[in-house]
Amino acid sequence: MGPAVPIIELVLDRQDVVWKMFGSNSMVRVTKKSVDLWCLGVVDGGTIDGPSIVIGGLQLEDNLLQFDLQSKKLGFSSSILSKGTKCADYKFPTRKV
């Protein structure tokens, strides 16, 4: 689950819709010469109108996403590492074209 840091909870459109980010999805380890530290792994959105931070690959890693294109909804899990598995363990079915 990553370093022992507080869990980040993003509350979405309702109070019961929460995306939890554990240390493995929020912190990046930096080691250079005699430096060994952890940094919050988000990208500054800058000063242009728009999102203040960007959720990227680090935050999405080992989370499952379900796209419902018909109803225009996105379903998500919090980190599946808490279930003792990771995305690399999944054997997704392949489709013949």
N, C-alpha and C. Protein backbone atom coordinates (compact mmCIF):
# COMPACT_ATOMS: atom_id res chain seq x y z
N MET A 1 0.82 -1.20 0.00
CA MET A 1 0.00 0.00 0.00
C MET A 1 0.86 1.27 0.00
N GLY A 2 2.17 1.11 -0.04
CA GLY A 2 3.05 2.27 -0.11
C GLY A 2 3.46 2.78 1.26
N PRO A 3 4.04 3.99 1.28
CA PRO A 3 4.49 4.55 2.55
C PRO A 3 3.32 4.84 3.48
N ALA A 4 3.59 4.82 4.78
CA ALA A 4 2.55 5.06 5.79
C ALA A 4 2.27 6.55 5.89
N VAL A 5 1.36 7.01 5.05
CA VAL A 5 0.95 8.42 5.04
C VAL A 5 -0.58 8.46 5.14
N PRO A 6 -1.14 9.61 5.49
CA PRO A 6 -2.61 9.69 5.55
C PRO A 6 -3.23 9.36 4.19
N ILE A 7 -4.41 8.75 4.24
CA ILE A 7 -5.15 8.42 3.02
C ILE A 7 -5.79 9.69 2.48
N ILE A 8 -5.68 9.90 1.17
CA ILE A 8 -6.35 11.02 0.52
C ILE A 8 -7.71 10.52 0.05
N GLU A 9 -8.76 11.21 0.43
CA GLU A 9 -10.11 10.83 0.02
C GLU A 9 -10.70 11.93 -0.84
N LEU A 10 -10.97 11.59 -2.10
CA LEU A 10 -11.62 12.53 -3.00
C LEU A 10 -13.11 12.23 -2.98
N VAL A 11 -13.90 13.16 -2.46
CA VAL A 11 -15.35 13.00 -2.41
C VAL A 11 -15.88 13.59 -3.72
N LEU A 12 -16.59 12.75 -4.47
CA LEU A 12 -17.03 13.16 -5.80
C LEU A 12 -18.44 13.75 -5.75
N ASP A 13 -19.36 13.31 -6.57
CA ASP A 13 -20.65 14.00 -6.66
C ASP A 13 -21.57 13.79 -5.47
N ARG A 14 -21.31 12.77 -4.64
CA ARG A 14 -22.10 12.53 -3.43
C ARG A 14 -21.15 12.16 -2.30
N GLN A 15 -21.60 12.33 -1.06
CA GLN A 15 -20.76 12.01 0.09
C GLN A 15 -20.37 10.54 0.15
N ASP A 16 -21.19 9.66 -0.45
CA ASP A 16 -20.88 8.22 -0.39
C ASP A 16 -20.07 7.76 -1.61
N VAL A 17 -19.68 8.68 -2.47
CA VAL A 17 -18.84 8.35 -3.63
C VAL A 17 -17.45 8.90 -3.36
N VAL A 18 -16.57 8.02 -2.87
CA VAL A 18 -15.24 8.45 -2.42
C VAL A 18 -14.17 7.60 -3.10
N TRP A 19 -13.16 8.26 -3.64
CA TRP A 19 -12.00 7.58 -4.22
C TRP A 19 -10.88 7.74 -3.21
N LYS A 20 -10.42 6.63 -2.66
CA LYS A 20 -9.35 6.66 -1.66
C LYS A 20 -8.01 6.40 -2.33
N MET A 21 -7.03 7.26 -2.03
CA MET A 21 -5.68 7.10 -2.54
C MET A 21 -4.75 6.82 -1.37
N PHE A 22 -4.11 5.68 -1.43
CA PHE A 22 -3.15 5.29 -0.40
C PHE A 22 -1.76 5.77 -0.81
N GLY A 23 -0.79 5.58 0.04
CA GLY A 23 0.57 6.04 -0.22
C GLY A 23 1.15 5.58 -1.55
N SER A 24 0.81 4.37 -1.98
CA SER A 24 1.35 3.87 -3.25
C SER A 24 0.83 4.66 -4.44
N ASN A 25 -0.31 5.35 -4.30
CA ASN A 25 -0.87 6.14 -5.39
C ASN A 25 -0.77 7.64 -5.17
N SER A 26 -0.13 8.04 -4.08
CA SER A 26 -0.03 9.48 -3.83
C SER A 26 1.40 9.97 -3.62
N MET A 27 2.31 9.07 -3.30
CA MET A 27 3.67 9.49 -2.94
C MET A 27 4.71 8.92 -3.91
N VAL A 28 5.74 9.70 -4.19
CA VAL A 28 6.84 9.30 -5.06
C VAL A 28 8.13 9.39 -4.25
N ARG A 29 8.91 8.33 -4.30
CA ARG A 29 10.19 8.32 -3.55
C ARG A 29 11.28 8.95 -4.42
N VAL A 30 12.05 9.85 -3.80
CA VAL A 30 13.16 10.53 -4.47
C VAL A 30 14.43 10.14 -3.74
N THR A 31 15.36 9.52 -4.46
CA THR A 31 16.66 9.18 -3.88
C THR A 31 17.75 9.68 -4.82
N LYS A 32 18.55 10.60 -4.33
CA LYS A 32 19.68 11.15 -5.08
C LYS A 32 20.81 11.40 -4.10
N LYS A 33 21.94 10.84 -4.39
CA LYS A 33 23.12 10.98 -3.53
C LYS A 33 22.75 10.71 -2.07
N SER A 34 22.80 11.72 -1.21
CA SER A 34 22.50 11.50 0.21
C SER A 34 21.04 11.82 0.55
N VAL A 35 20.22 12.10 -0.46
CA VAL A 35 18.82 12.47 -0.23
C VAL A 35 17.94 11.23 -0.40
N ASP A 36 17.04 11.01 0.54
CA ASP A 36 16.06 9.93 0.46
C ASP A 36 14.77 10.47 1.09
N LEU A 37 13.82 10.86 0.24
CA LEU A 37 12.59 11.45 0.76
C LEU A 37 11.40 11.07 -0.10
N TRP A 38 10.21 11.36 0.41
CA TRP A 38 8.95 11.09 -0.29
C TRP A 38 8.29 12.43 -0.62
N CYS A 39 7.74 12.52 -1.85
CA CYS A 39 7.04 13.74 -2.28
C CYS A 39 5.63 13.39 -2.73
N LEU A 40 4.70 14.33 -2.54
CA LEU A 40 3.35 14.15 -3.03
C LEU A 40 3.39 14.14 -4.55
N GLY A 41 2.87 13.08 -5.17
CA GLY A 41 3.00 12.88 -6.61
C GLY A 41 1.84 13.43 -7.41
N VAL A 42 1.69 14.75 -7.46
CA VAL A 42 0.68 15.39 -8.31
C VAL A 42 1.38 16.43 -9.18
N VAL A 43 0.73 16.77 -10.27
CA VAL A 43 1.28 17.77 -11.19
C VAL A 43 0.53 19.07 -10.98
N ASP A 44 1.26 20.15 -10.84
CA ASP A 44 0.66 21.48 -10.69
C ASP A 44 0.00 21.85 -12.01
N GLY A 45 -1.28 22.20 -11.96
CA GLY A 45 -2.01 22.58 -13.16
C GLY A 45 -1.64 23.94 -13.70
N GLY A 46 -0.85 24.70 -12.99
CA GLY A 46 -0.43 26.01 -13.46
C GLY A 46 -1.44 27.10 -13.17
N THR A 47 -1.25 28.25 -13.81
CA THR A 47 -2.11 29.40 -13.54
C THR A 47 -3.22 29.57 -14.57
N ILE A 48 -3.22 28.77 -15.61
CA ILE A 48 -4.27 28.86 -16.63
C ILE A 48 -5.56 28.29 -16.06
N ASP A 49 -6.71 28.88 -16.44
CA ASP A 49 -8.00 28.37 -15.98
C ASP A 49 -8.12 26.89 -16.33
N GLY A 50 -8.57 26.11 -15.39
CA GLY A 50 -8.71 24.67 -15.58
C GLY A 50 -8.42 23.97 -14.28
N PRO A 51 -8.10 22.68 -14.35
CA PRO A 51 -7.85 21.93 -13.12
C PRO A 51 -6.60 22.42 -12.40
N SER A 52 -6.66 22.43 -11.07
CA SER A 52 -5.50 22.89 -10.29
C SER A 52 -4.45 21.80 -10.17
N ILE A 53 -4.87 20.52 -10.24
CA ILE A 53 -3.92 19.41 -10.28
C ILE A 53 -4.38 18.43 -11.35
N VAL A 54 -3.48 17.56 -11.74
CA VAL A 54 -3.79 16.57 -12.77
C VAL A 54 -3.66 15.19 -12.15
N ILE A 55 -4.70 14.36 -12.29
CA ILE A 55 -4.64 12.98 -11.84
C ILE A 55 -4.08 12.18 -13.00
N GLY A 56 -2.98 11.48 -12.75
CA GLY A 56 -2.31 10.78 -13.83
C GLY A 56 -2.06 9.32 -13.54
N GLY A 57 -1.04 8.79 -14.19
CA GLY A 57 -0.72 7.38 -14.11
C GLY A 57 -0.45 6.87 -12.71
N LEU A 58 0.22 7.65 -11.89
CA LEU A 58 0.53 7.21 -10.51
C LEU A 58 -0.76 6.99 -9.73
N GLN A 59 -1.70 7.92 -9.86
CA GLN A 59 -2.95 7.81 -9.11
C GLN A 59 -3.83 6.67 -9.65
N LEU A 60 -3.74 6.39 -10.93
CA LEU A 60 -4.58 5.36 -11.55
C LEU A 60 -4.00 3.95 -11.41
N GLU A 61 -2.71 3.86 -11.12
CA GLU A 61 -2.06 2.55 -11.06
C GLU A 61 -2.72 1.64 -10.02
N ASP A 62 -3.01 0.41 -10.44
CA ASP A 62 -3.63 -0.61 -9.58
C ASP A 62 -5.01 -0.20 -9.06
N ASN A 63 -5.74 0.55 -9.87
CA ASN A 63 -7.15 0.86 -9.66
C ASN A 63 -7.90 0.32 -10.88
N LEU A 64 -9.10 -0.14 -10.68
CA LEU A 64 -9.90 -0.60 -11.81
C LEU A 64 -10.89 0.50 -12.20
N LEU A 65 -11.01 0.74 -13.50
CA LEU A 65 -11.93 1.74 -14.02
C LEU A 65 -12.94 1.04 -14.93
N GLN A 66 -14.19 1.47 -14.87
CA GLN A 66 -15.22 0.93 -15.75
C GLN A 66 -15.89 2.11 -16.44
N PHE A 67 -15.80 2.12 -17.76
CA PHE A 67 -16.39 3.19 -18.55
C PHE A 67 -17.75 2.74 -19.06
N ASP A 68 -18.80 3.45 -18.67
CA ASP A 68 -20.15 3.19 -19.18
C ASP A 68 -20.45 4.30 -20.18
N LEU A 69 -20.18 4.03 -21.45
CA LEU A 69 -20.30 5.06 -22.47
C LEU A 69 -21.74 5.46 -22.70
N GLN A 70 -22.67 4.50 -22.57
CA GLN A 70 -24.07 4.80 -22.83
C GLN A 70 -24.63 5.80 -21.81
N SER A 71 -24.35 5.58 -20.54
CA SER A 71 -24.87 6.50 -19.52
C SER A 71 -23.87 7.60 -19.15
N LYS A 72 -22.71 7.58 -19.81
CA LYS A 72 -21.66 8.60 -19.59
C LYS A 72 -21.23 8.65 -18.13
N LYS A 73 -20.96 7.46 -17.58
CA LYS A 73 -20.50 7.36 -16.19
C LYS A 73 -19.18 6.61 -16.12
N LEU A 74 -18.44 6.90 -15.07
CA LEU A 74 -17.18 6.23 -14.81
C LEU A 74 -17.26 5.56 -13.45
N GLY A 75 -17.01 4.27 -13.41
CA GLY A 75 -16.93 3.56 -12.14
C GLY A 75 -15.47 3.32 -11.80
N PHE A 76 -15.14 3.23 -10.53
CA PHE A 76 -13.74 3.06 -10.14
C PHE A 76 -13.65 2.30 -8.84
N SER A 77 -12.51 1.68 -8.64
CA SER A 77 -12.20 1.06 -7.36
C SER A 77 -11.13 1.92 -6.70
N SER A 78 -10.99 1.79 -5.41
CA SER A 78 -9.78 2.32 -4.80
C SER A 78 -8.71 1.26 -5.05
N SER A 79 -7.52 1.46 -4.59
CA SER A 79 -6.41 0.57 -4.90
C SER A 79 -6.76 -0.89 -4.62
N ILE A 80 -6.52 -1.74 -5.60
CA ILE A 80 -6.77 -3.17 -5.40
C ILE A 80 -5.62 -3.84 -4.66
N LEU A 81 -4.58 -3.09 -4.35
CA LEU A 81 -3.48 -3.64 -3.55
C LEU A 81 -3.99 -4.04 -2.17
N SER A 82 -5.03 -3.34 -1.70
CA SER A 82 -5.61 -3.68 -0.39
C SER A 82 -6.30 -5.03 -0.42
N LYS A 83 -6.59 -5.53 -1.61
CA LYS A 83 -7.21 -6.85 -1.77
C LYS A 83 -6.17 -7.94 -2.02
N GLY A 84 -4.89 -7.57 -1.93
CA GLY A 84 -3.81 -8.54 -2.11
C GLY A 84 -3.53 -8.88 -3.57
N THR A 85 -3.91 -8.00 -4.48
CA THR A 85 -3.66 -8.24 -5.90
C THR A 85 -3.24 -6.93 -6.56
N LYS A 86 -2.88 -7.00 -7.82
CA LYS A 86 -2.51 -5.82 -8.60
C LYS A 86 -2.93 -6.05 -10.05
N CYS A 87 -3.01 -4.98 -10.80
CA CYS A 87 -3.49 -5.09 -12.19
C CYS A 87 -2.63 -6.05 -13.01
N ALA A 88 -1.34 -6.11 -12.73
CA ALA A 88 -0.45 -7.00 -13.49
C ALA A 88 -0.83 -8.47 -13.31
N ASP A 89 -1.58 -8.80 -12.25
CA ASP A 89 -2.00 -10.18 -12.00
C ASP A 89 -3.21 -10.60 -12.84
N TYR A 90 -3.93 -9.63 -13.40
CA TYR A 90 -5.15 -9.94 -14.13
C TYR A 90 -4.85 -10.55 -15.49
N LYS A 91 -5.64 -11.53 -15.85
CA LYS A 91 -5.56 -12.15 -17.18
C LYS A 91 -6.82 -11.73 -17.94
N PHE A 92 -6.72 -10.61 -18.62
CA PHE A 92 -7.87 -10.09 -19.33
C PHE A 92 -8.12 -10.92 -20.59
N PRO A 93 -9.38 -11.18 -20.91
CA PRO A 93 -9.68 -11.96 -22.12
C PRO A 93 -9.27 -11.18 -23.37
N THR A 94 -8.82 -11.90 -24.35
CA THR A 94 -8.44 -11.26 -25.62
C THR A 94 -9.54 -11.53 -26.63
N ARG A 95 -9.75 -10.56 -27.49
CA ARG A 95 -10.76 -10.71 -28.54
C ARG A 95 -10.07 -10.93 -29.87
N LYS A 96 -10.57 -11.85 -30.63
CA LYS A 96 -10.04 -12.07 -31.97
C LYS A 96 -10.72 -11.09 -32.91
N VAL A 97 -9.91 -10.47 -33.73
CA VAL A 97 -10.44 -9.47 -34.68
C VAL A 97 -10.59 -10.09 -36.04
